[in-house]
């Protein structure tokens, strides 16, 4: 089991700066241009997709290619600071209702 530790305020600022730089990269533009939300799988116009940190910065995540994904605003808002396992549990609880 992996444990994630929150970063201090300065580290979080650095990661947010890196995320802004990554958002301007060709890699991100290609990734977003597919128009698919990482979480719900729905199609959206690329401009409507946001960058989500799979492991949130506030929970120790980094602004690197394997930790960011395009997602719709609805999923991004619902996910907030959940870790992937917490998001999966949340989605499974919705299916059981």
PDB file of N, CA and C in Angstrom:
ATOM      1  N   UNK A   1       0.845  -1.179   0.000  1.00  0.00           N
ATOM      2  CA  UNK A   1       0.000   0.000   0.000  1.00  0.00           C
ATOM      3  C   UNK A   1       0.891   1.243   0.000  1.00  0.00           C
ATOM      4  N   UNK A   2       0.569   2.188  -0.861  1.00  0.00           N
ATOM      5  CA  UNK A   2       1.340   3.426  -0.922  1.00  0.00           C
ATOM      6  C   UNK A   2       0.681   4.480  -0.050  1.00  0.00           C
ATOM      7  N   UNK A   3       1.490   5.280   0.568  1.00  0.00           N
ATOM      8  CA  UNK A   3       0.987   6.388   1.365  1.00  0.00           C
ATOM      9  C   UNK A   3       1.409   7.690   0.708  1.00  0.00           C
ATOM     10  N   UNK A   4       0.516   8.626   0.688  1.00  0.00           N
ATOM     11  CA  UNK A   4       0.795   9.923   0.087  1.00  0.00           C
ATOM     12  C   UNK A   4       0.786  10.967   1.188  1.00  0.00           C
ATOM     13  N   UNK A   5       1.789  11.815   1.175  1.00  0.00           N
ATOM     14  CA  UNK A   5       1.910  12.830   2.203  1.00  0.00           C
ATOM     15  C   UNK A   5       1.683  14.204   1.592  1.00  0.00           C
ATOM     16  N   UNK A   6       0.913  15.027   2.255  1.00  0.00           N
ATOM     17  CA  UNK A   6       0.678  16.379   1.737  1.00  0.00           C
ATOM     18  C   UNK A   6       1.991  17.142   1.611  1.00  0.00           C
ATOM     19  N   UNK A   7       2.034  18.017   0.621  1.00  0.00           N
ATOM     20  CA  UNK A   7       3.212  18.830   0.417  1.00  0.00           C
ATOM     21  C   UNK A   7       3.048  20.159   1.150  1.00  0.00           C
ATOM     22  N   UNK A   8       4.183  20.770   1.481  1.00  0.00           N
ATOM     23  CA  UNK A   8       4.102  22.089   2.098  1.00  0.00           C
ATOM     24  C   UNK A   8       3.664  23.107   1.044  1.00  0.00           C
ATOM     25  N   UNK A   9       3.335  24.286   1.485  1.00  0.00           N
ATOM     26  CA  UNK A   9       2.776  25.309   0.608  1.00  0.00           C
ATOM     27  C   UNK A   9       3.712  25.664  -0.556  1.00  0.00           C
ATOM     28  N   UNK A  10       4.994  25.757  -0.274  1.00  0.00           N
ATOM     29  CA  UNK A  10       5.964  26.105  -1.323  1.00  0.00           C
ATOM     30  C   UNK A  10       6.039  25.008  -2.384  1.00  0.00           C
ATOM     31  N   UNK A  11       6.028  23.758  -1.965  1.00  0.00           N
ATOM     32  CA  UNK A  11       6.056  22.639  -2.911  1.00  0.00           C
ATOM     33  C   UNK A  11       4.796  22.634  -3.773  1.00  0.00           C
ATOM     34  N   UNK A  12       3.656  22.921  -3.164  1.00  0.00           N
ATOM     35  CA  UNK A  12       2.411  22.970  -3.918  1.00  0.00           C
ATOM     36  C   UNK A  12       2.459  24.079  -4.970  1.00  0.00           C
ATOM     37  N   UNK A  13       3.029  25.230  -4.610  1.00  0.00           N
ATOM     38  CA  UNK A  13       3.153  26.330  -5.581  1.00  0.00           C
ATOM     39  C   UNK A  13       4.013  25.905  -6.761  1.00  0.00           C
ATOM     40  N   UNK A  14       5.118  25.208  -6.475  1.00  0.00           N
ATOM     41  CA  UNK A  14       6.002  24.743  -7.557  1.00  0.00           C
ATOM     42  C   UNK A  14       5.269  23.775  -8.480  1.00  0.00           C
ATOM     43  N   UNK A  15       4.511  22.856  -7.902  1.00  0.00           N
ATOM     44  CA  UNK A  15       3.787  21.871  -8.706  1.00  0.00           C
ATOM     45  C   UNK A  15       2.703  22.543  -9.549  1.00  0.00           C
ATOM     46  N   UNK A  16       2.040  23.542  -8.999  1.00  0.00           N
ATOM     47  CA  UNK A  16       1.016  24.263  -9.771  1.00  0.00           C
ATOM     48  C   UNK A  16       1.655  25.024 -10.924  1.00  0.00           C
ATOM     49  N   UNK A  17       2.841  25.555 -10.701  1.00  0.00           N
ATOM     50  CA  UNK A  17       3.573  26.239 -11.772  1.00  0.00           C
ATOM     51  C   UNK A  17       3.949  25.242 -12.870  1.00  0.00           C
ATOM     52  N   UNK A  18       4.413  24.060 -12.475  1.00  0.00           N
ATOM     53  CA  UNK A  18       4.757  23.025 -13.448  1.00  0.00           C
ATOM     54  C   UNK A  18       3.520  22.617 -14.245  1.00  0.00           C
ATOM     55  N   UNK A  19       2.369  22.555 -13.575  1.00  0.00           N
ATOM     56  CA  UNK A  19       1.119  22.182 -14.253  1.00  0.00           C
ATOM     57  C   UNK A  19       0.755  23.223 -15.310  1.00  0.00           C
ATOM     58  N   UNK A  20       0.947  24.504 -14.998  1.00  0.00           N
ATOM     59  CA  UNK A  20       0.664  25.550 -15.978  1.00  0.00           C
ATOM     60  C   UNK A  20       1.571  25.396 -17.192  1.00  0.00           C
ATOM     61  N   UNK A  21       2.832  25.072 -16.953  1.00  0.00           N
ATOM     62  CA  UNK A  21       3.760  24.860 -18.065  1.00  0.00           C
ATOM     63  C   UNK A  21       3.358  23.638 -18.895  1.00  0.00           C
ATOM     64  N   UNK A  22       2.966  22.576 -18.214  1.00  0.00           N
ATOM     65  CA  UNK A  22       2.557  21.352 -18.899  1.00  0.00           C
ATOM     66  C   UNK A  22       1.298  21.587 -19.731  1.00  0.00           C
ATOM     67  N   UNK A  23       0.398  22.420 -19.240  1.00  0.00           N
ATOM     68  CA  UNK A  23      -0.832  22.747 -19.963  1.00  0.00           C
ATOM     69  C   UNK A  23      -0.548  23.426 -21.304  1.00  0.00           C
ATOM     70  N   UNK A  24       0.580  24.110 -21.408  1.00  0.00           N
ATOM     71  CA  UNK A  24       0.956  24.778 -22.648  1.00  0.00           C
ATOM     72  C   UNK A  24       1.764  23.893 -23.596  1.00  0.00           C
ATOM     73  N   UNK A  25       2.040  22.669 -23.186  1.00  0.00           N
ATOM     74  CA  UNK A  25       2.873  21.784 -24.008  1.00  0.00           C
ATOM     75  C   UNK A  25       2.072  21.143 -25.140  1.00  0.00           C
ATOM     76  N   UNK A  26       2.782  20.772 -26.199  1.00  0.00           N
ATOM     77  CA  UNK A  26       2.140  20.064 -27.321  1.00  0.00           C
ATOM     78  C   UNK A  26       1.594  18.722 -26.853  1.00  0.00           C
ATOM     79  N   UNK A  27       2.303  18.064 -25.941  1.00  0.00           N
ATOM     80  CA  UNK A  27       1.839  16.781 -25.419  1.00  0.00           C
ATOM     81  C   UNK A  27       0.441  16.929 -24.837  1.00  0.00           C
ATOM     82  N   UNK A  28       0.242  17.949 -23.997  1.00  0.00           N
ATOM     83  CA  UNK A  28      -1.066  18.133 -23.367  1.00  0.00           C
ATOM     84  C   UNK A  28      -2.126  18.484 -24.408  1.00  0.00           C
ATOM     85  N   UNK A  29      -1.778  19.323 -25.350  1.00  0.00           N
ATOM     86  CA  UNK A  29      -2.748  19.714 -26.378  1.00  0.00           C
ATOM     87  C   UNK A  29      -3.194  18.499 -27.187  1.00  0.00           C
ATOM     88  N   UNK A  30      -2.275  17.591 -27.497  1.00  0.00           N
ATOM     89  CA  UNK A  30      -2.649  16.357 -28.209  1.00  0.00           C
ATOM     90  C   UNK A  30      -3.523  15.475 -27.332  1.00  0.00           C
ATOM     91  N   UNK A  31      -3.141  15.348 -26.084  1.00  0.00           N
ATOM     92  CA  UNK A  31      -3.899  14.517 -25.142  1.00  0.00           C
ATOM     93  C   UNK A  31      -5.331  15.028 -25.008  1.00  0.00           C
ATOM     94  N   UNK A  32      -5.486  16.315 -24.833  1.00  0.00           N
ATOM     95  CA  UNK A  32      -6.801  16.937 -24.657  1.00  0.00           C
ATOM     96  C   UNK A  32      -7.612  16.884 -25.957  1.00  0.00           C
ATOM     97  N   UNK A  33      -6.915  16.934 -27.104  1.00  0.00           N
ATOM     98  CA  UNK A  33      -7.607  16.966 -28.394  1.00  0.00           C
ATOM     99  C   UNK A  33      -8.404  15.690 -28.674  1.00  0.00           C
ATOM    100  N   UNK A  34      -8.110  14.621 -27.948  1.00  0.00           N
ATOM    101  CA  UNK A  34      -8.878  13.386 -28.104  1.00  0.00           C
ATOM    102  C   UNK A  34     -10.312  13.576 -27.623  1.00  0.00           C
ATOM    103  N   UNK A  35     -10.517  14.537 -26.705  1.00  0.00           N
ATOM    104  CA  UNK A  35     -11.867  14.886 -26.264  1.00  0.00           C
ATOM    105  C   UNK A  35     -12.536  13.890 -25.338  1.00  0.00           C
ATOM    106  N   UNK A  36     -11.755  13.043 -24.687  1.00  0.00           N
ATOM    107  CA  UNK A  36     -12.348  12.006 -23.824  1.00  0.00           C
ATOM    108  C   UNK A  36     -11.986  12.253 -22.369  1.00  0.00           C
ATOM    109  N   UNK A  37     -13.010  12.256 -21.515  1.00  0.00           N
ATOM    110  CA  UNK A  37     -12.794  12.411 -20.077  1.00  0.00           C
ATOM    111  C   UNK A  37     -12.177  11.125 -19.527  1.00  0.00           C
ATOM    112  N   UNK A  38     -11.100  11.270 -18.793  1.00  0.00           N
ATOM    113  CA  UNK A  38     -10.387  10.137 -18.195  1.00  0.00           C
ATOM    114  C   UNK A  38     -11.284   9.342 -17.244  1.00  0.00           C
ATOM    115  N   UNK A  39     -12.206  10.013 -16.565  1.00  0.00           N
ATOM    116  CA  UNK A  39     -13.007   9.358 -15.535  1.00  0.00           C
ATOM    117  C   UNK A  39     -14.319   8.782 -16.040  1.00  0.00           C
ATOM    118  N   UNK A  40     -15.097   9.556 -16.789  1.00  0.00           N
ATOM    119  CA  UNK A  40     -16.409   9.061 -17.217  1.00  0.00           C
ATOM    120  C   UNK A  40     -16.398   8.518 -18.636  1.00  0.00           C
ATOM    121  N   UNK A  41     -15.335   8.808 -19.402  1.00  0.00           N
ATOM    122  CA  UNK A  41     -15.221   8.293 -20.754  1.00  0.00           C
ATOM    123  C   UNK A  41     -16.077   9.002 -21.789  1.00  0.00           C
ATOM    124  N   UNK A  42     -16.792  10.040 -21.379  1.00  0.00           N
ATOM    125  CA  UNK A  42     -17.654  10.772 -22.311  1.00  0.00           C
ATOM    126  C   UNK A  42     -16.812  11.671 -23.219  1.00  0.00           C
ATOM    127  N   UNK A  43     -17.373  11.987 -24.374  1.00  0.00           N
ATOM    128  CA  UNK A  43     -16.711  12.871 -25.333  1.00  0.00           C
ATOM    129  C   UNK A  43     -17.117  14.314 -25.096  1.00  0.00           C
ATOM    130  N   UNK A  44     -16.141  15.208 -25.196  1.00  0.00           N
ATOM    131  CA  UNK A  44     -16.354  16.636 -24.996  1.00  0.00           C
ATOM    132  C   UNK A  44     -15.519  17.401 -26.013  1.00  0.00           C
ATOM    133  N   UNK A  45     -15.936  18.628 -26.333  1.00  0.00           N
ATOM    134  CA  UNK A  45     -15.032  19.473 -27.114  1.00  0.00           C
ATOM    135  C   UNK A  45     -13.746  19.654 -26.289  1.00  0.00           C
ATOM    136  N   UNK A  46     -12.580  19.549 -26.905  1.00  0.00           N
ATOM    137  CA  UNK A  46     -11.325  19.636 -26.151  1.00  0.00           C
ATOM    138  C   UNK A  46     -11.225  20.840 -25.215  1.00  0.00           C
ATOM    139  N   UNK A  47     -11.746  21.983 -25.636  1.00  0.00           N
ATOM    140  CA  UNK A  47     -11.659  23.192 -24.800  1.00  0.00           C
ATOM    141  C   UNK A  47     -12.426  23.046 -23.487  1.00  0.00           C
ATOM    142  N   UNK A  48     -13.361  22.091 -23.427  1.00  0.00           N
ATOM    143  CA  UNK A  48     -14.154  21.890 -22.211  1.00  0.00           C
ATOM    144  C   UNK A  48     -13.478  20.958 -21.209  1.00  0.00           C
ATOM    145  N   UNK A  49     -12.389  20.323 -21.600  1.00  0.00           N
ATOM    146  CA  UNK A  49     -11.696  19.414 -20.684  1.00  0.00           C
ATOM    147  C   UNK A  49     -10.673  20.169 -19.849  1.00  0.00           C
ATOM    148  N   UNK A  50     -10.571  19.789 -18.601  1.00  0.00           N
ATOM    149  CA  UNK A  50      -9.618  20.401 -17.685  1.00  0.00           C
ATOM    150  C   UNK A  50      -8.499  19.406 -17.390  1.00  0.00           C
ATOM    151  N   UNK A  51      -7.418  19.904 -16.817  1.00  0.00           N
ATOM    152  CA  UNK A  51      -6.315  19.041 -16.415  1.00  0.00           C
ATOM    153  C   UNK A  51      -6.551  18.628 -14.966  1.00  0.00           C
ATOM    154  N   UNK A  52      -6.598  17.322 -14.743  1.00  0.00           N
ATOM    155  CA  UNK A  52      -6.764  16.823 -13.386  1.00  0.00           C
ATOM    156  C   UNK A  52      -5.517  16.063 -12.978  1.00  0.00           C
ATOM    157  N   UNK A  53      -5.095  16.280 -11.741  1.00  0.00           N
ATOM    158  CA  UNK A  53      -4.001  15.487 -11.169  1.00  0.00           C
ATOM    159  C   UNK A  53      -4.628  14.222 -10.604  1.00  0.00           C
ATOM    160  N   UNK A  54      -4.250  13.074 -11.131  1.00  0.00           N
ATOM    161  CA  UNK A  54      -4.821  11.799 -10.684  1.00  0.00           C
ATOM    162  C   UNK A  54      -4.580  11.638  -9.192  1.00  0.00           C
ATOM    163  N   UNK A  55      -3.345  11.822  -8.754  1.00  0.00           N
ATOM    164  CA  UNK A  55      -3.040  11.958  -7.325  1.00  0.00           C
ATOM    165  C   UNK A  55      -2.917  13.460  -7.109  1.00  0.00           C
ATOM    166  N   UNK A  56      -3.867  14.055  -6.397  1.00  0.00           N
ATOM    167  CA  UNK A  56      -3.883  15.517  -6.238  1.00  0.00           C
ATOM    168  C   UNK A  56      -2.596  16.071  -5.621  1.00  0.00           C
ATOM    169  N   UNK A  57      -2.255  17.279  -6.032  1.00  0.00           N
ATOM    170  CA  UNK A  57      -1.078  17.957  -5.475  1.00  0.00           C
ATOM    171  C   UNK A  57      -1.185  18.027  -3.956  1.00  0.00           C
ATOM    172  N   UNK A  58      -2.372  18.313  -3.464  1.00  0.00           N
ATOM    173  CA  UNK A  58      -2.564  18.447  -2.012  1.00  0.00           C
ATOM    174  C   UNK A  58      -2.343  17.136  -1.266  1.00  0.00           C
ATOM    175  N   UNK A  59      -2.338  16.026  -2.018  1.00  0.00           N
ATOM    176  CA  UNK A  59      -2.126  14.712  -1.408  1.00  0.00           C
ATOM    177  C   UNK A  59      -0.762  14.145  -1.778  1.00  0.00           C
ATOM    178  N   UNK A  60       0.119  14.999  -2.313  1.00  0.00           N
ATOM    179  CA  UNK A  60       1.478  14.565  -2.618  1.00  0.00           C
ATOM    180  C   UNK A  60       1.743  14.275  -4.078  1.00  0.00           C
ATOM    181  N   UNK A  61       0.761  14.497  -4.950  1.00  0.00           N
ATOM    182  CA  UNK A  61       0.933  14.244  -6.372  1.00  0.00           C
ATOM    183  C   UNK A  61       1.853  15.268  -7.034  1.00  0.00           C
ATOM    184  N   UNK A  62       2.386  14.884  -8.166  1.00  0.00           N
ATOM    185  CA  UNK A  62       3.304  15.736  -8.929  1.00  0.00           C
ATOM    186  C   UNK A  62       2.665  16.133 -10.250  1.00  0.00           C
ATOM    187  N   UNK A  63       3.184  17.215 -10.833  1.00  0.00           N
ATOM    188  CA  UNK A  63       2.725  17.680 -12.148  1.00  0.00           C
ATOM    189  C   UNK A  63       3.615  17.061 -13.217  1.00  0.00           C
ATOM    190  N   UNK A  64       3.385  15.770 -13.459  1.00  0.00           N
ATOM    191  CA  UNK A  64       4.129  15.020 -14.457  1.00  0.00           C
ATOM    192  C   UNK A  64       3.129  14.311 -15.369  1.00  0.00           C
ATOM    193  N   UNK A  65       3.592  13.932 -16.551  1.00  0.00           N
ATOM    194  CA  UNK A  65       2.699  13.368 -17.563  1.00  0.00           C
ATOM    195  C   UNK A  65       1.891  12.169 -17.081  1.00  0.00           C
ATOM    196  N   UNK A  66       2.483  11.306 -16.292  1.00  0.00           N
ATOM    197  CA  UNK A  66       1.735  10.125 -15.870  1.00  0.00           C
ATOM    198  C   UNK A  66       0.817  10.382 -14.673  1.00  0.00           C
ATOM    199  N   UNK A  67       0.729  11.638 -14.221  1.00  0.00           N
ATOM    200  CA  UNK A  67      -0.170  11.956 -13.110  1.00  0.00           C
ATOM    201  C   UNK A  67      -1.215  13.007 -13.478  1.00  0.00           C
ATOM    202  N   UNK A  68      -1.307  13.358 -14.747  1.00  0.00           N
ATOM    203  CA  UNK A  68      -2.350  14.297 -15.157  1.00  0.00           C
ATOM    204  C   UNK A  68      -3.176  13.666 -16.268  1.00  0.00           C
ATOM    205  N   UNK A  69      -4.452  14.030 -16.285  1.00  0.00           N
ATOM    206  CA  UNK A  69      -5.359  13.473 -17.287  1.00  0.00           C
ATOM    207  C   UNK A  69      -6.422  14.505 -17.635  1.00  0.00           C
ATOM    208  N   UNK A  70      -6.900  14.473 -18.873  1.00  0.00           N
ATOM    209  CA  UNK A  70      -7.994  15.374 -19.233  1.00  0.00           C
ATOM    210  C   UNK A  70      -9.296  14.847 -18.636  1.00  0.00           C
ATOM    211  N   UNK A  71     -10.064  15.749 -18.080  1.00  0.00           N
ATOM    212  CA  UNK A  71     -11.357  15.316 -17.561  1.00  0.00           C
ATOM    213  C   UNK A  71     -12.369  16.447 -17.668  1.00  0.00           C
ATOM    214  N   UNK A  72     -13.634  16.054 -17.665  1.00  0.00           N
ATOM    215  CA  UNK A  72     -14.693  17.047 -17.766  1.00  0.00           C
ATOM    216  C   UNK A  72     -14.805  17.796 -16.437  1.00  0.00           C
ATOM    217  N   UNK A  73     -15.408  18.944 -16.490  1.00  0.00           N
ATOM    218  CA  UNK A  73     -15.526  19.772 -15.293  1.00  0.00           C
ATOM    219  C   UNK A  73     -16.359  19.089 -14.222  1.00  0.00           C
ATOM    220  N   UNK A  74     -17.377  18.331 -14.642  1.00  0.00           N
ATOM    221  CA  UNK A  74     -18.224  17.629 -13.672  1.00  0.00           C
ATOM    222  C   UNK A  74     -17.416  16.620 -12.869  1.00  0.00           C
ATOM    223  N   UNK A  75     -16.650  15.775 -13.569  1.00  0.00           N
ATOM    224  CA  UNK A  75     -15.829  14.776 -12.863  1.00  0.00           C
ATOM    225  C   UNK A  75     -14.762  15.450 -12.015  1.00  0.00           C
ATOM    226  N   UNK A  76     -14.132  16.493 -12.541  1.00  0.00           N
ATOM    227  CA  UNK A  76     -13.081  17.185 -11.801  1.00  0.00           C
ATOM    228  C   UNK A  76     -13.650  17.776 -10.516  1.00  0.00           C
ATOM    229  N   UNK A  77     -14.821  18.350 -10.601  1.00  0.00           N
ATOM    230  CA  UNK A  77     -15.457  18.942  -9.420  1.00  0.00           C
ATOM    231  C   UNK A  77     -15.823  17.871  -8.395  1.00  0.00           C
ATOM    232  N   UNK A  78     -16.343  16.743  -8.866  1.00  0.00           N
ATOM    233  CA  UNK A  78     -16.739  15.667  -7.947  1.00  0.00           C
ATOM    234  C   UNK A  78     -15.526  14.988  -7.323  1.00  0.00           C
ATOM    235  N   UNK A  79     -14.458  14.815  -8.099  1.00  0.00           N
ATOM    236  CA  UNK A  79     -13.276  14.114  -7.599  1.00  0.00           C
ATOM    237  C   UNK A  79     -12.538  14.916  -6.539  1.00  0.00           C
ATOM    238  N   UNK A  80     -12.437  16.204  -6.746  1.00  0.00           N
ATOM    239  CA  UNK A  80     -11.763  17.107  -5.812  1.00  0.00           C
ATOM    240  C   UNK A  80     -10.391  16.572  -5.407  1.00  0.00           C
ATOM    241  N   UNK A  81     -10.203  16.187  -4.156  1.00  0.00           N
ATOM    242  CA  UNK A  81      -8.888  15.737  -3.683  1.00  0.00           C
ATOM    243  C   UNK A  81      -8.841  14.230  -3.408  1.00  0.00           C
ATOM    244  N   UNK A  82      -9.734  13.485  -4.042  1.00  0.00           N
ATOM    245  CA  UNK A  82      -9.739  12.039  -3.828  1.00  0.00           C
ATOM    246  C   UNK A  82      -8.552  11.381  -4.522  1.00  0.00           C
ATOM    247  N   UNK A  83      -8.039  10.350  -3.897  1.00  0.00           N
ATOM    248  CA  UNK A  83      -7.044   9.484  -4.521  1.00  0.00           C
ATOM    249  C   UNK A  83      -7.778   8.539  -5.472  1.00  0.00           C
ATOM    250  N   UNK A  84      -7.080   7.899  -6.409  1.00  0.00           N
ATOM    251  CA  UNK A  84      -7.756   7.005  -7.351  1.00  0.00           C
ATOM    252  C   UNK A  84      -8.616   5.932  -6.677  1.00  0.00           C
ATOM    253  N   UNK A  85      -8.143   5.334  -5.616  1.00  0.00           N
ATOM    254  CA  UNK A  85      -8.926   4.291  -4.938  1.00  0.00           C
ATOM    255  C   UNK A  85     -10.186   4.886  -4.311  1.00  0.00           C
ATOM    256  N   UNK A  86     -10.088   6.093  -3.787  1.00  0.00           N
ATOM    257  CA  UNK A  86     -11.253   6.740  -3.201  1.00  0.00           C
ATOM    258  C   UNK A  86     -12.273   7.083  -4.283  1.00  0.00           C
ATOM    259  N   UNK A  87     -11.794   7.536  -5.449  1.00  0.00           N
ATOM    260  CA  UNK A  87     -12.691   7.842  -6.567  1.00  0.00           C
ATOM    261  C   UNK A  87     -13.398   6.563  -7.033  1.00  0.00           C
ATOM    262  N   UNK A  88     -12.645   5.477  -7.129  1.00  0.00           N
ATOM    263  CA  UNK A  88     -13.222   4.200  -7.559  1.00  0.00           C
ATOM    264  C   UNK A  88     -14.307   3.746  -6.588  1.00  0.00           C
ATOM    265  N   UNK A  89     -14.053   3.878  -5.295  1.00  0.00           N
ATOM    266  CA  UNK A  89     -15.058   3.515  -4.285  1.00  0.00           C
ATOM    267  C   UNK A  89     -16.301   4.393  -4.415  1.00  0.00           C
ATOM    268  N   UNK A  90     -16.087   5.679  -4.671  1.00  0.00           N
ATOM    269  CA  UNK A  90     -17.207   6.612  -4.856  1.00  0.00           C
ATOM    270  C   UNK A  90     -18.035   6.200  -6.064  1.00  0.00           C
ATOM    271  N   UNK A  91     -17.386   5.909  -7.193  1.00  0.00           N
ATOM    272  CA  UNK A  91     -18.114   5.520  -8.391  1.00  0.00           C
ATOM    273  C   UNK A  91     -18.857   4.192  -8.192  1.00  0.00           C
ATOM    274  N   UNK A  92     -18.228   3.255  -7.501  1.00  0.00           N
ATOM    275  CA  UNK A  92     -18.894   1.979  -7.214  1.00  0.00           C
ATOM    276  C   UNK A  92     -20.117   2.185  -6.322  1.00  0.00           C
ATOM    277  N   UNK A  93     -20.030   3.114  -5.384  1.00  0.00           N
ATOM    278  CA  UNK A  93     -21.181   3.371  -4.504  1.00  0.00           C
ATOM    279  C   UNK A  93     -22.358   3.952  -5.299  1.00  0.00           C
ATOM    280  N   UNK A  94     -22.070   4.709  -6.346  1.00  0.00           N
ATOM    281  CA  UNK A  94     -23.139   5.257  -7.182  1.00  0.00           C
ATOM    282  C   UNK A  94     -23.838   4.131  -7.974  1.00  0.00           C
ATOM    283  N   UNK A  95     -23.066   3.142  -8.405  1.00  0.00           N
ATOM    284  CA  UNK A  95     -23.634   2.041  -9.171  1.00  0.00           C
ATOM    285  C   UNK A  95     -24.544   1.170  -8.314  1.00  0.00           C
ATOM    286  N   UNK A  96     -24.270   1.095  -7.015  1.00  0.00           N
ATOM    287  CA  UNK A  96     -25.051   0.256  -6.101  1.00  0.00           C
ATOM    288  C   UNK A  96     -26.400   0.866  -5.750  1.00  0.00           C
ATOM    289  N   UNK A  97     -26.522   2.171  -5.968  1.00  0.00           N
ATOM    290  CA  UNK A  97     -27.771   2.856  -5.573  1.00  0.00           C
ATOM    291  C   UNK A  97     -28.899   2.503  -6.503  1.00  0.00           C
TER     292      UNK A  97
END
